Amino acid sequence: RKHYAQNLVYQVAKIISDQGLTPMLYTDADYIASNSC
């Protein structure tokens, strides 16, 4: 609840995008808070 994973995934997604690739991930569909982030 300190936004660490959200910020980490953003930074990694940006690295991926800067390489011309599309970031994707799987999530637990029932974990609403995580999916919202």
Full PDB file with SEQRES, HELIX, SHEET, SSBOND, CRYST1, ORIGX, SCALE, CONECT and MASTER records, all heavy atoms in Angstrom:
SEQRES   1 A   37  ARG LYS HIS TYR ALA GLN ASN LEU VAL TYR GLN VAL ALA          
SEQRES   2 A   37  LYS ILE ILE SER ASP GLN GLY LEU THR PRO MET LEU TYR          
SEQRES   3 A   37  THR ASP ALA ASP TYR ILE ALA SER ASN SER CYS                  
HELIX    1 AA1 TYR A    4  ASP A   18  1                                  15    
HELIX    2 AA2 ILE A   32  SER A   36  1                                   5    
CRYST1    1.000    1.000    1.000  90.00  90.00  90.00 P 1           1          
ORIGX1      1.000000  0.000000  0.000000        0.00000                         
ORIGX2      0.000000  1.000000  0.000000        0.00000                         
ORIGX3      0.000000  0.000000  1.000000        0.00000                         
SCALE1      1.000000  0.000000  0.000000        0.00000                         
SCALE2      0.000000  1.000000  0.000000        0.00000                         
SCALE3      0.000000  0.000000  1.000000        0.00000                         
ATOM      1  N   ARG A   1       0.822  -1.217   0.000  1.00  0.00           N  
ATOM      2  CA  ARG A   1       0.000   0.000   0.000  1.00  0.00           C  
ATOM      3  C   ARG A   1       0.856   1.266   0.000  1.00  0.00           C  
ATOM      4  O   ARG A   1       0.447   2.307   0.500  1.00  0.00           O  
ATOM      5  CB  ARG A   1      -0.979   0.009   1.175  1.00  0.00           C  
ATOM      6  CG  ARG A   1      -2.004  -1.121   1.111  1.00  0.00           C  
ATOM      7  CD  ARG A   1      -3.011  -1.051   2.250  1.00  0.00           C  
ATOM      8  NE  ARG A   1      -4.019  -2.075   2.102  1.00  0.00           N  
ATOM      9  CZ  ARG A   1      -3.882  -3.329   2.552  1.00  0.00           C  
ATOM     10  NH1 ARG A   1      -2.789  -3.688   3.187  1.00  0.00           N  
ATOM     11  NH2 ARG A   1      -4.854  -4.206   2.362  1.00  0.00           N  
ATOM     12  N   LYS A   2       2.045   1.160  -0.537  1.00  0.00           N  
ATOM     13  CA  LYS A   2       2.921   2.320  -0.675  1.00  0.00           C  
ATOM     14  C   LYS A   2       3.259   2.589  -2.140  1.00  0.00           C  
ATOM     15  O   LYS A   2       4.155   3.353  -2.448  1.00  0.00           O  
ATOM     16  CB  LYS A   2       4.215   2.114   0.136  1.00  0.00           C  
ATOM     17  CG  LYS A   2       3.992   1.956   1.639  1.00  0.00           C  
ATOM     18  CD  LYS A   2       5.320   1.761   2.372  1.00  0.00           C  
ATOM     19  CE  LYS A   2       5.110   1.510   3.855  1.00  0.00           C  
ATOM     20  NZ  LYS A   2       4.582   2.718   4.537  1.00  0.00           N  
ATOM     21  N   HIS A   3       2.553   1.893  -3.060  1.00  0.00           N  
ATOM     22  CA  HIS A   3       2.668   2.096  -4.511  1.00  0.00           C  
ATOM     23  C   HIS A   3       4.007   1.624  -5.090  1.00  0.00           C  
ATOM     24  O   HIS A   3       4.368   2.031  -6.190  1.00  0.00           O  
ATOM     25  CB  HIS A   3       2.453   3.575  -4.870  1.00  0.00           C  
ATOM     26  CG  HIS A   3       1.159   4.135  -4.354  1.00  0.00           C  
ATOM     27  ND1 HIS A   3      -0.068   3.725  -4.817  1.00  0.00           N  
ATOM     28  CD2 HIS A   3       0.917   5.070  -3.393  1.00  0.00           C  
ATOM     29  CE1 HIS A   3      -1.030   4.386  -4.177  1.00  0.00           C  
ATOM     30  NE2 HIS A   3      -0.454   5.202  -3.312  1.00  0.00           N  
ATOM     31  N   TYR A   4       4.741   0.774  -4.372  1.00  0.00           N  
ATOM     32  CA  TYR A   4       6.038   0.328  -4.882  1.00  0.00           C  
ATOM     33  C   TYR A   4       5.885  -0.475  -6.177  1.00  0.00           C  
ATOM     34  O   TYR A   4       6.566  -0.207  -7.177  1.00  0.00           O  
ATOM     35  CB  TYR A   4       6.763  -0.510  -3.833  1.00  0.00           C  
ATOM     36  CG  TYR A   4       7.224   0.268  -2.628  1.00  0.00           C  
ATOM     37  CD1 TYR A   4       6.926  -0.159  -1.337  1.00  0.00           C  
ATOM     38  CD2 TYR A   4       7.970   1.438  -2.768  1.00  0.00           C  
ATOM     39  CE1 TYR A   4       7.350   0.548  -0.219  1.00  0.00           C  
ATOM     40  CE2 TYR A   4       8.396   2.155  -1.667  1.00  0.00           C  
ATOM     41  CZ  TYR A   4       8.080   1.709  -0.390  1.00  0.00           C  
ATOM     42  OH  TYR A   4       8.504   2.420   0.708  1.00  0.00           O  
ATOM     43  N   ALA A   5       5.003  -1.473  -6.185  1.00  0.00           N  
ATOM     44  CA  ALA A   5       4.847  -2.313  -7.384  1.00  0.00           C  
ATOM     45  C   ALA A   5       4.307  -1.496  -8.554  1.00  0.00           C  
ATOM     46  O   ALA A   5       4.740  -1.673  -9.691  1.00  0.00           O  
ATOM     47  CB  ALA A   5       3.918  -3.489  -7.079  1.00  0.00           C  
ATOM     48  N   GLN A   6       3.377  -0.610  -8.279  1.00  0.00           N  
ATOM     49  CA  GLN A   6       2.812   0.225  -9.336  1.00  0.00           C  
ATOM     50  C   GLN A   6       3.894   1.053 -10.014  1.00  0.00           C  
ATOM     51  O   GLN A   6       3.965   1.115 -11.248  1.00  0.00           O  
ATOM     52  CB  GLN A   6       1.748   1.152  -8.744  1.00  0.00           C  
ATOM     53  CG  GLN A   6       1.080   2.059  -9.777  1.00  0.00           C  
ATOM     54  CD  GLN A   6       0.064   2.988  -9.141  1.00  0.00           C  
ATOM     55  OE1 GLN A   6      -0.215   2.907  -7.952  1.00  0.00           O  
ATOM     56  NE2 GLN A   6      -0.508   3.881  -9.927  1.00  0.00           N  
ATOM     57  N   ASN A   7       4.755   1.677  -9.224  1.00  0.00           N  
ATOM     58  CA  ASN A   7       5.828   2.491  -9.786  1.00  0.00           C  
ATOM     59  C   ASN A   7       6.880   1.641 -10.483  1.00  0.00           C  
ATOM     60  O   ASN A   7       7.414   2.026 -11.528  1.00  0.00           O  
ATOM     61  CB  ASN A   7       6.466   3.336  -8.683  1.00  0.00           C  
ATOM     62  CG  ASN A   7       5.639   4.554  -8.328  1.00  0.00           C  
ATOM     63  OD1 ASN A   7       5.921   5.663  -8.756  1.00  0.00           O  
ATOM     64  ND2 ASN A   7       4.607   4.358  -7.520  1.00  0.00           N  
ATOM     65  N   LEU A   8       7.172   0.470  -9.920  1.00  0.00           N  
ATOM     66  CA  LEU A   8       8.149  -0.418 -10.543  1.00  0.00           C  
ATOM     67  C   LEU A   8       7.647  -0.908 -11.898  1.00  0.00           C  
ATOM     68  O   LEU A   8       8.384  -0.881 -12.896  1.00  0.00           O  
ATOM     69  CB  LEU A   8       8.432  -1.603  -9.620  1.00  0.00           C  
ATOM     70  CG  LEU A   8       9.384  -2.681 -10.154  1.00  0.00           C  
ATOM     71  CD1 LEU A   8      10.735  -2.088 -10.535  1.00  0.00           C  
ATOM     72  CD2 LEU A   8       9.557  -3.801  -9.130  1.00  0.00           C  
ATOM     73  N   VAL A   9       6.386  -1.355 -11.958  1.00  0.00           N  
ATOM     74  CA  VAL A   9       5.837  -1.860 -13.213  1.00  0.00           C  
ATOM     75  C   VAL A   9       5.779  -0.743 -14.254  1.00  0.00           C  
ATOM     76  O   VAL A   9       6.055  -0.976 -15.440  1.00  0.00           O  
ATOM     77  CB  VAL A   9       4.449  -2.489 -12.987  1.00  0.00           C  
ATOM     78  CG1 VAL A   9       3.769  -2.800 -14.319  1.00  0.00           C  
ATOM     79  CG2 VAL A   9       4.579  -3.765 -12.164  1.00  0.00           C  
ATOM     80  N   TYR A  10       5.451   0.474 -13.827  1.00  0.00           N  
ATOM     81  CA  TYR A  10       5.449   1.593 -14.775  1.00  0.00           C  
ATOM     82  C   TYR A  10       6.838   1.788 -15.381  1.00  0.00           C  
ATOM     83  O   TYR A  10       6.983   1.933 -16.607  1.00  0.00           O  
ATOM     84  CB  TYR A  10       4.999   2.888 -14.103  1.00  0.00           C  
ATOM     85  CG  TYR A  10       5.409   4.104 -14.898  1.00  0.00           C  
ATOM     86  CD1 TYR A  10       4.771   4.423 -16.100  1.00  0.00           C  
ATOM     87  CD2 TYR A  10       6.470   4.912 -14.484  1.00  0.00           C  
ATOM     88  CE1 TYR A  10       5.179   5.518 -16.860  1.00  0.00           C  
ATOM     89  CE2 TYR A  10       6.882   6.001 -15.232  1.00  0.00           C  
ATOM     90  CZ  TYR A  10       6.231   6.302 -16.419  1.00  0.00           C  
ATOM     91  OH  TYR A  10       6.651   7.368 -17.172  1.00  0.00           O  
ATOM     92  N   GLN A  11       7.862   1.813 -14.546  1.00  0.00           N  
ATOM     93  CA  GLN A  11       9.225   2.039 -15.035  1.00  0.00           C  
ATOM     94  C   GLN A  11       9.659   0.926 -15.989  1.00  0.00           C  
ATOM     95  O   GLN A  11      10.293   1.184 -17.019  1.00  0.00           O  
ATOM     96  CB  GLN A  11      10.197   2.143 -13.855  1.00  0.00           C  
ATOM     97  CG  GLN A  11      10.002   3.345 -12.954  1.00  0.00           C  
ATOM     98  CD  GLN A  11      10.376   4.659 -13.619  1.00  0.00           C  
ATOM     99  OE1 GLN A  11      10.975   4.698 -14.698  1.00  0.00           O  
ATOM    100  NE2 GLN A  11      10.028   5.761 -12.976  1.00  0.00           N  
ATOM    101  N   VAL A  12       9.315  -0.310 -15.653  1.00  0.00           N  
ATOM    102  CA  VAL A  12       9.689  -1.438 -16.502  1.00  0.00           C  
ATOM    103  C   VAL A  12       8.896  -1.396 -17.812  1.00  0.00           C  
ATOM    104  O   VAL A  12       9.443  -1.656 -18.894  1.00  0.00           O  
ATOM    105  CB  VAL A  12       9.478  -2.769 -15.759  1.00  0.00           C  
ATOM    106  CG1 VAL A  12       9.684  -3.955 -16.691  1.00  0.00           C  
ATOM    107  CG2 VAL A  12      10.442  -2.859 -14.572  1.00  0.00           C  
ATOM    108  N   ALA A  13       7.601  -1.060 -17.733  1.00  0.00           N  
ATOM    109  CA  ALA A  13       6.792  -0.940 -18.951  1.00  0.00           C  
ATOM    110  C   ALA A  13       7.360   0.140 -19.869  1.00  0.00           C  
ATOM    111  O   ALA A  13       7.362  -0.009 -21.099  1.00  0.00           O  
ATOM    112  CB  ALA A  13       5.346  -0.621 -18.586  1.00  0.00           C  
ATOM    113  N   LYS A  14       7.857   1.210 -19.283  1.00  0.00           N  
ATOM    114  CA  LYS A  14       8.449   2.286 -20.084  1.00  0.00           C  
ATOM    115  C   LYS A  14       9.735   1.808 -20.768  1.00  0.00           C  
ATOM    116  O   LYS A  14       9.985   2.117 -21.943  1.00  0.00           O  
ATOM    117  CB  LYS A  14       8.739   3.500 -19.206  1.00  0.00           C  
ATOM    118  CG  LYS A  14       9.124   4.751 -19.979  1.00  0.00           C  
ATOM    119  CD  LYS A  14       9.194   5.952 -19.056  1.00  0.00           C  
ATOM    120  CE  LYS A  14       9.512   7.217 -19.858  1.00  0.00           C  
ATOM    121  NZ  LYS A  14      10.765   7.139 -20.617  1.00  0.00           N  
ATOM    122  N   ILE A  15      10.554   1.053 -20.056  1.00  0.00           N  
ATOM    123  CA  ILE A  15      11.775   0.496 -20.649  1.00  0.00           C  
ATOM    124  C   ILE A  15      11.412  -0.390 -21.839  1.00  0.00           C  
ATOM    125  O   ILE A  15      12.033  -0.323 -22.905  1.00  0.00           O  
ATOM    126  CB  ILE A  15      12.564  -0.309 -19.593  1.00  0.00           C  
ATOM    127  CG1 ILE A  15      13.204   0.641 -18.578  1.00  0.00           C  
ATOM    128  CG2 ILE A  15      13.643  -1.178 -20.255  1.00  0.00           C  
ATOM    129  CD1 ILE A  15      13.841  -0.069 -17.401  1.00  0.00           C  
ATOM    130  N   ILE A  16      10.393  -1.233 -21.656  1.00  0.00           N  
ATOM    131  CA  ILE A  16       9.956  -2.126 -22.726  1.00  0.00           C  
ATOM    132  C   ILE A  16       9.453  -1.317 -23.924  1.00  0.00           C  
ATOM    133  O   ILE A  16       9.824  -1.580 -25.073  1.00  0.00           O  
ATOM    134  CB  ILE A  16       8.855  -3.074 -22.202  1.00  0.00           C  
ATOM    135  CG1 ILE A  16       9.434  -4.040 -21.170  1.00  0.00           C  
ATOM    136  CG2 ILE A  16       8.211  -3.848 -23.352  1.00  0.00           C  
ATOM    137  CD1 ILE A  16       8.383  -4.827 -20.411  1.00  0.00           C  
ATOM    138  N   SER A  17       8.606  -0.327 -23.666  1.00  0.00           N  
ATOM    139  CA  SER A  17       8.046   0.492 -24.746  1.00  0.00           C  
ATOM    140  C   SER A  17       9.127   1.242 -25.500  1.00  0.00           C  
ATOM    141  O   SER A  17       9.057   1.386 -26.729  1.00  0.00           O  
ATOM    142  CB  SER A  17       7.027   1.488 -24.171  1.00  0.00           C  
ATOM    143  OG  SER A  17       5.892   0.823 -23.688  1.00  0.00           O  
ATOM    144  N   ASP A  18      10.139   1.716 -24.778  1.00  0.00           N  
ATOM    145  CA  ASP A  18      11.228   2.450 -25.421  1.00  0.00           C  
ATOM    146  C   ASP A  18      12.036   1.572 -26.373  1.00  0.00           C  
ATOM    147  O   ASP A  18      12.760   2.075 -27.231  1.00  0.00           O  
ATOM    148  CB  ASP A  18      12.151   3.059 -24.358  1.00  0.00           C  
ATOM    149  CG  ASP A  18      11.511   4.234 -23.619  1.00  0.00           C  
ATOM    150  OD1 ASP A  18      10.479   4.734 -24.110  1.00  0.00           O  
ATOM    151  OD2 ASP A  18      12.022   4.629 -22.557  1.00  0.00           O  
ATOM    152  N   GLN A  19      11.902   0.246 -26.216  1.00  0.00           N  
ATOM    153  CA  GLN A  19      12.565  -0.688 -27.129  1.00  0.00           C  
ATOM    154  C   GLN A  19      11.685  -1.038 -28.328  1.00  0.00           C  
ATOM    155  O   GLN A  19      12.059  -1.861 -29.165  1.00  0.00           O  
ATOM    156  CB  GLN A  19      12.921  -1.977 -26.382  1.00  0.00           C  
ATOM    157  CG  GLN A  19      13.897  -1.802 -25.230  1.00  0.00           C  
ATOM    158  CD  GLN A  19      14.136  -3.116 -24.499  1.00  0.00           C  
ATOM    159  OE1 GLN A  19      14.591  -4.102 -25.077  1.00  0.00           O  
ATOM    160  NE2 GLN A  19      13.810  -3.145 -23.221  1.00  0.00           N  
ATOM    161  N   GLY A  20      10.518  -0.400 -28.420  1.00  0.00           N  
ATOM    162  CA  GLY A  20       9.603  -0.692 -29.515  1.00  0.00           C  
ATOM    163  C   GLY A  20       8.778  -1.942 -29.299  1.00  0.00           C  
ATOM    164  O   GLY A  20       8.157  -2.454 -30.239  1.00  0.00           O  
ATOM    165  N   LEU A  21       8.727  -2.450 -28.055  1.00  0.00           N  
ATOM    166  CA  LEU A  21       7.965  -3.647 -27.721  1.00  0.00           C  
ATOM    167  C   LEU A  21       6.694  -3.258 -26.970  1.00  0.00           C  
ATOM    168  O   LEU A  21       6.589  -2.147 -26.433  1.00  0.00           O  
ATOM    169  CB  LEU A  21       8.807  -4.580 -26.855  1.00  0.00           C  
ATOM    170  CG  LEU A  21      10.154  -5.025 -27.423  1.00  0.00           C  
ATOM    171  CD1 LEU A  21      10.939  -5.801 -26.373  1.00  0.00           C  
ATOM    172  CD2 LEU A  21       9.956  -5.873 -28.674  1.00  0.00           C  
ATOM    173  N   THR A  22       5.738  -4.174 -26.917  1.00  0.00           N  
ATOM    174  CA  THR A  22       4.498  -3.936 -26.186  1.00  0.00           C  
ATOM    175  C   THR A  22       4.531  -4.669 -24.852  1.00  0.00           C  
ATOM    176  O   THR A  22       4.645  -5.899 -24.826  1.00  0.00           O  
ATOM    177  CB  THR A  22       3.276  -4.432 -26.990  1.00  0.00           C  
ATOM    178  OG1 THR A  22       3.220  -3.748 -28.233  1.00  0.00           O  
ATOM    179  CG2 THR A  22       1.990  -4.180 -26.219  1.00  0.00           C  
ATOM    180  N   PRO A  23       4.417  -3.945 -23.720  1.00  0.00           N  
ATOM    181  CA  PRO A  23       4.359  -4.614 -22.416  1.00  0.00           C  
ATOM    182  C   PRO A  23       3.007  -5.311 -22.229  1.00  0.00           C  
ATOM    183  O   PRO A  23       1.973  -4.800 -22.677  1.00  0.00           O  
ATOM    184  CB  PRO A  23       4.512  -3.464 -21.409  1.00  0.00           C  
ATOM    185  CG  PRO A  23       4.892  -2.258 -22.208  1.00  0.00           C  
ATOM    186  CD  PRO A  23       4.388  -2.493 -23.598  1.00  0.00           C  
ATOM    187  N   MET A  24       3.002  -6.457 -21.574  1.00  0.00           N  
ATOM    188  CA  MET A  24       1.758  -7.112 -21.190  1.00  0.00           C  
ATOM    189  C   MET A  24       1.989  -7.836 -19.875  1.00  0.00           C  
ATOM    190  O   MET A  24       3.131  -8.045 -19.454  1.00  0.00           O  
ATOM    191  CB  MET A  24       1.262  -8.077 -22.270  1.00  0.00           C  
ATOM    192  CG  MET A  24       2.083  -9.309 -22.542  1.00  0.00           C  
ATOM    193  SD  MET A  24       1.761 -10.723 -21.407  1.00  0.00           S  
ATOM    194  CE  MET A  24       0.036 -11.035 -21.679  1.00  0.00           C  
ATOM    195  N   LEU A  25       0.903  -8.192 -19.218  1.00  0.00           N  
ATOM    196  CA  LEU A  25       1.011  -8.977 -17.984  1.00  0.00           C  
ATOM    197  C   LEU A  25      -0.293  -9.693 -17.710  1.00  0.00           C  
ATOM    198  O   LEU A  25      -1.349  -9.332 -18.234  1.00  0.00           O  
ATOM    199  CB  LEU A  25       1.426  -8.104 -16.794  1.00  0.00           C  
ATOM    200  CG  LEU A  25       0.669  -6.813 -16.472  1.00  0.00           C  
ATOM    201  CD1 LEU A  25      -0.686  -7.081 -15.833  1.00  0.00           C  
ATOM    202  CD2 LEU A  25       1.502  -5.938 -15.526  1.00  0.00           C  
ATOM    203  N   TYR A  26      -0.189 -10.736 -16.876  1.00  0.00           N  
ATOM    204  CA  TYR A  26      -1.357 -11.442 -16.382  1.00  0.00           C  
ATOM    205  C   TYR A  26      -1.627 -10.973 -14.947  1.00  0.00           C  
ATOM    206  O   TYR A  26      -0.698 -10.677 -14.201  1.00  0.00           O  
ATOM    207  CB  TYR A  26      -1.114 -12.953 -16.338  1.00  0.00           C  
ATOM    208  CG  TYR A  26      -0.886 -13.603 -17.677  1.00  0.00           C  
ATOM    209  CD1 TYR A  26       0.394 -13.933 -18.110  1.00  0.00           C  
ATOM    210  CD2 TYR A  26      -1.965 -13.923 -18.504  1.00  0.00           C  
ATOM    211  CE1 TYR A  26       0.598 -14.555 -19.331  1.00  0.00           C  
ATOM    212  CE2 TYR A  26      -1.768 -14.556 -19.727  1.00  0.00           C  
ATOM    213  CZ  TYR A  26      -0.483 -14.865 -20.131  1.00  0.00           C  
ATOM    214  OH  TYR A  26      -0.284 -15.476 -21.337  1.00  0.00           O  
ATOM    215  N   THR A  27      -2.913 -10.922 -14.586  1.00  0.00           N  
ATOM    216  CA  THR A  27      -3.250 -10.575 -13.215  1.00  0.00           C  
ATOM    217  C   THR A  27      -4.297 -11.540 -12.682  1.00  0.00           C  
ATOM    218  O   THR A  27      -4.982 -12.235 -13.444  1.00  0.00           O  
ATOM    219  CB  THR A  27      -3.823  -9.145 -13.116  1.00  0.00           C  
ATOM    220  OG1 THR A  27      -5.135  -9.117 -13.704  1.00  0.00           O  
ATOM    221  CG2 THR A  27      -2.930  -8.134 -13.798  1.00  0.00           C  
ATOM    222  N   ASP A  28      -4.433 -11.551 -11.359  1.00  0.00           N  
ATOM    223  CA  ASP A  28      -5.529 -12.247 -10.704  1.00  0.00           C  
ATOM    224  C   ASP A  28      -6.777 -11.386 -10.904  1.00  0.00           C  
ATOM    225  O   ASP A  28      -6.864 -10.266 -10.396  1.00  0.00           O  
ATOM    226  CB  ASP A  28      -5.223 -12.409  -9.224  1.00  0.00           C  
ATOM    227  CG  ASP A  28      -6.279 -13.189  -8.468  1.00  0.00           C  
ATOM    228  OD1 ASP A  28      -7.430 -13.244  -8.941  1.00  0.00           O  
ATOM    229  OD2 ASP A  28      -5.968 -13.731  -7.391  1.00  0.00           O  
ATOM    230  N   ALA A  29      -7.748 -11.902 -11.649  1.00  0.00           N  
ATOM    231  CA  ALA A  29      -8.931 -11.107 -11.985  1.00  0.00           C  
ATOM    232  C   ALA A  29      -9.723 -10.684 -10.750  1.00  0.00           C  
ATOM    233  O   ALA A  29     -10.455  -9.695 -10.791  1.00  0.00           O  
ATOM    234  CB  ALA A  29      -9.830 -11.908 -12.926  1.00  0.00           C  
ATOM    235  N   ASP A  30      -9.569 -11.423  -9.658  1.00  0.00           N  
ATOM    236  CA  ASP A  30     -10.330 -11.113  -8.452  1.00  0.00           C  
ATOM    237  C   ASP A  30      -9.610 -10.134  -7.526  1.00  0.00           C  
ATOM    238  O   ASP A  30     -10.152  -9.746  -6.491  1.00  0.00           O  
ATOM    239  CB  ASP A  30     -10.628 -12.409  -7.687  1.00  0.00           C  
ATOM    240  CG  ASP A  30     -11.455 -13.380  -8.521  1.00  0.00           C  
ATOM    241  OD1 ASP A  30     -12.402 -12.914  -9.181  1.00  0.00           O  
ATOM    242  OD2 ASP A  30     -11.133 -14.579  -8.529  1.00  0.00           O  
ATOM    243  N   TYR A  31      -8.399  -9.735  -7.890  1.00  0.00           N  
ATOM    244  CA  TYR A  31      -7.628  -8.792  -7.073  1.00  0.00           C  
ATOM    245  C   TYR A  31      -7.883  -7.394  -7.631  1.00  0.00           C  
ATOM    246  O   TYR A  31      -7.092  -6.842  -8.387  1.00  0.00           O  
ATOM    247  CB  TYR A  31      -6.146  -9.153  -7.121  1.00  0.00           C  
ATOM    248  CG  TYR A  31      -5.300  -8.521  -6.041  1.00  0.00           C  
ATOM    249  CD1 TYR A  31      -3.953  -8.863  -5.904  1.00  0.00           C  
ATOM    250  CD2 TYR A  31      -5.819  -7.583  -5.156  1.00  0.00           C  
ATOM    251  CE1 TYR A  31      -3.165  -8.291  -4.915  1.00  0.00           C  
ATOM    252  CE2 TYR A  31      -5.052  -7.013  -4.176  1.00  0.00           C  
ATOM    253  CZ  TYR A  31      -3.723  -7.374  -4.054  1.00  0.00           C  
ATOM    254  OH  TYR A  31      -2.946  -6.794  -3.077  1.00  0.00           O  
ATOM    255  N   ILE A  32      -9.009  -6.803  -7.251  1.00  0.00           N  
ATOM    256  CA  ILE A  32      -9.490  -5.563  -7.844  1.00  0.00           C  
ATOM    257  C   ILE A  32      -8.522  -4.410  -7.630  1.00  0.00           C  
ATOM    258  O   ILE A  32      -8.257  -3.625  -8.558  1.00  0.00           O  
ATOM    259  CB  ILE A  32     -10.880  -5.216  -7.283  1.00  0.00           C  
ATOM    260  CG1 ILE A  32     -11.880  -6.313  -7.655  1.00  0.00           C  
ATOM    261  CG2 ILE A  32     -11.357  -3.868  -7.823  1.00  0.00           C  
ATOM    262  CD1 ILE A  32     -13.240  -6.146  -7.015  1.00  0.00           C  
ATOM    263  N   ALA A  33      -7.978  -4.281  -6.436  1.00  0.00           N  
ATOM    264  CA  ALA A  33      -7.094  -3.151  -6.132  1.00  0.00           C  
ATOM    265  C   ALA A  33      -5.853  -3.170  -7.018  1.00  0.00           C  
ATOM    266  O   ALA A  33      -5.432  -2.132  -7.543  1.00  0.00           O  
ATOM    267  CB  ALA A  33      -6.704  -3.178  -4.658  1.00  0.00           C  
ATOM    268  N   SER A  34      -5.262  -4.360  -7.190  1.00  0.00           N  
ATOM    269  CA  SER A  34      -4.062  -4.481  -8.019  1.00  0.00           C  
ATOM    270  C   SER A  34      -4.365  -4.148  -9.469  1.00  0.00           C  
ATOM    271  O   SER A  34      -3.620  -3.415 -10.131  1.00  0.00           O  
ATOM    272  CB  SER A  34      -3.490  -5.897  -7.902  1.00  0.00           C  
ATOM    273  OG  SER A  34      -2.373  -6.061  -8.745  1.00  0.00           O  
ATOM    274  N   ASN A  35      -5.466  -4.666  -9.985  1.00  0.00           N  
ATOM    275  CA  ASN A  35      -5.831  -4.401 -11.373  1.00  0.00           C  
ATOM    276  C   ASN A  35      -6.088  -2.920 -11.607  1.00  0.00           C  
ATOM    277  O   ASN A  35      -5.741  -2.374 -12.663  1.00  0.00           O  
ATOM    278  CB  ASN A  35      -7.065  -5.221 -11.754  1.00  0.00           C  
ATOM    279  CG  ASN A  35      -6.785  -6.713 -11.756  1.00  0.00           C  
ATOM    280  OD1 ASN A  35      -5.645  -7.129 -11.939  1.00  0.00           O  
ATOM    281  ND2 ASN A  35      -7.803  -7.515 -11.541  1.00  0.00           N  
ATOM    282  N   SER A  36      -6.680  -2.264 -10.637  1.00  0.00           N  
ATOM    283  CA  SER A  36      -6.921  -0.829 -10.742  1.00  0.00           C  
ATOM    284  C   SER A  36      -5.612  -0.063 -10.846  1.00  0.00           C  
ATOM    285  O   SER A  36      -5.507   0.895 -11.634  1.00  0.00           O  
ATOM    286  CB  SER A  36      -7.709  -0.337  -9.524  1.00  0.00           C  
ATOM    287  OG  SER A  36      -7.876   1.059  -9.556  1.00  0.00           O  
ATOM    288  N   CYS A  37      -4.602  -0.488 -10.107  1.00  0.00           N  
ATOM    289  CA  CYS A  37      -3.285   0.163 -10.172  1.00  0.00           C  
ATOM    290  C   CYS A  37      -2.677   0.029 -11.559  1.00  0.00           C  
ATOM    291  O   CYS A  37      -2.112   0.988 -12.101  1.00  0.00           O  
ATOM    292  CB  CYS A  37      -2.351  -0.436  -9.130  1.00  0.00           C  
ATOM    293  SG  CYS A  37      -2.736   0.050  -7.428  1.00  0.00           S  
TER     294      CYS A  37                                                      
MASTER        0    0    0    2    0    0    0    6  293    1    0    3          
END                                                                             
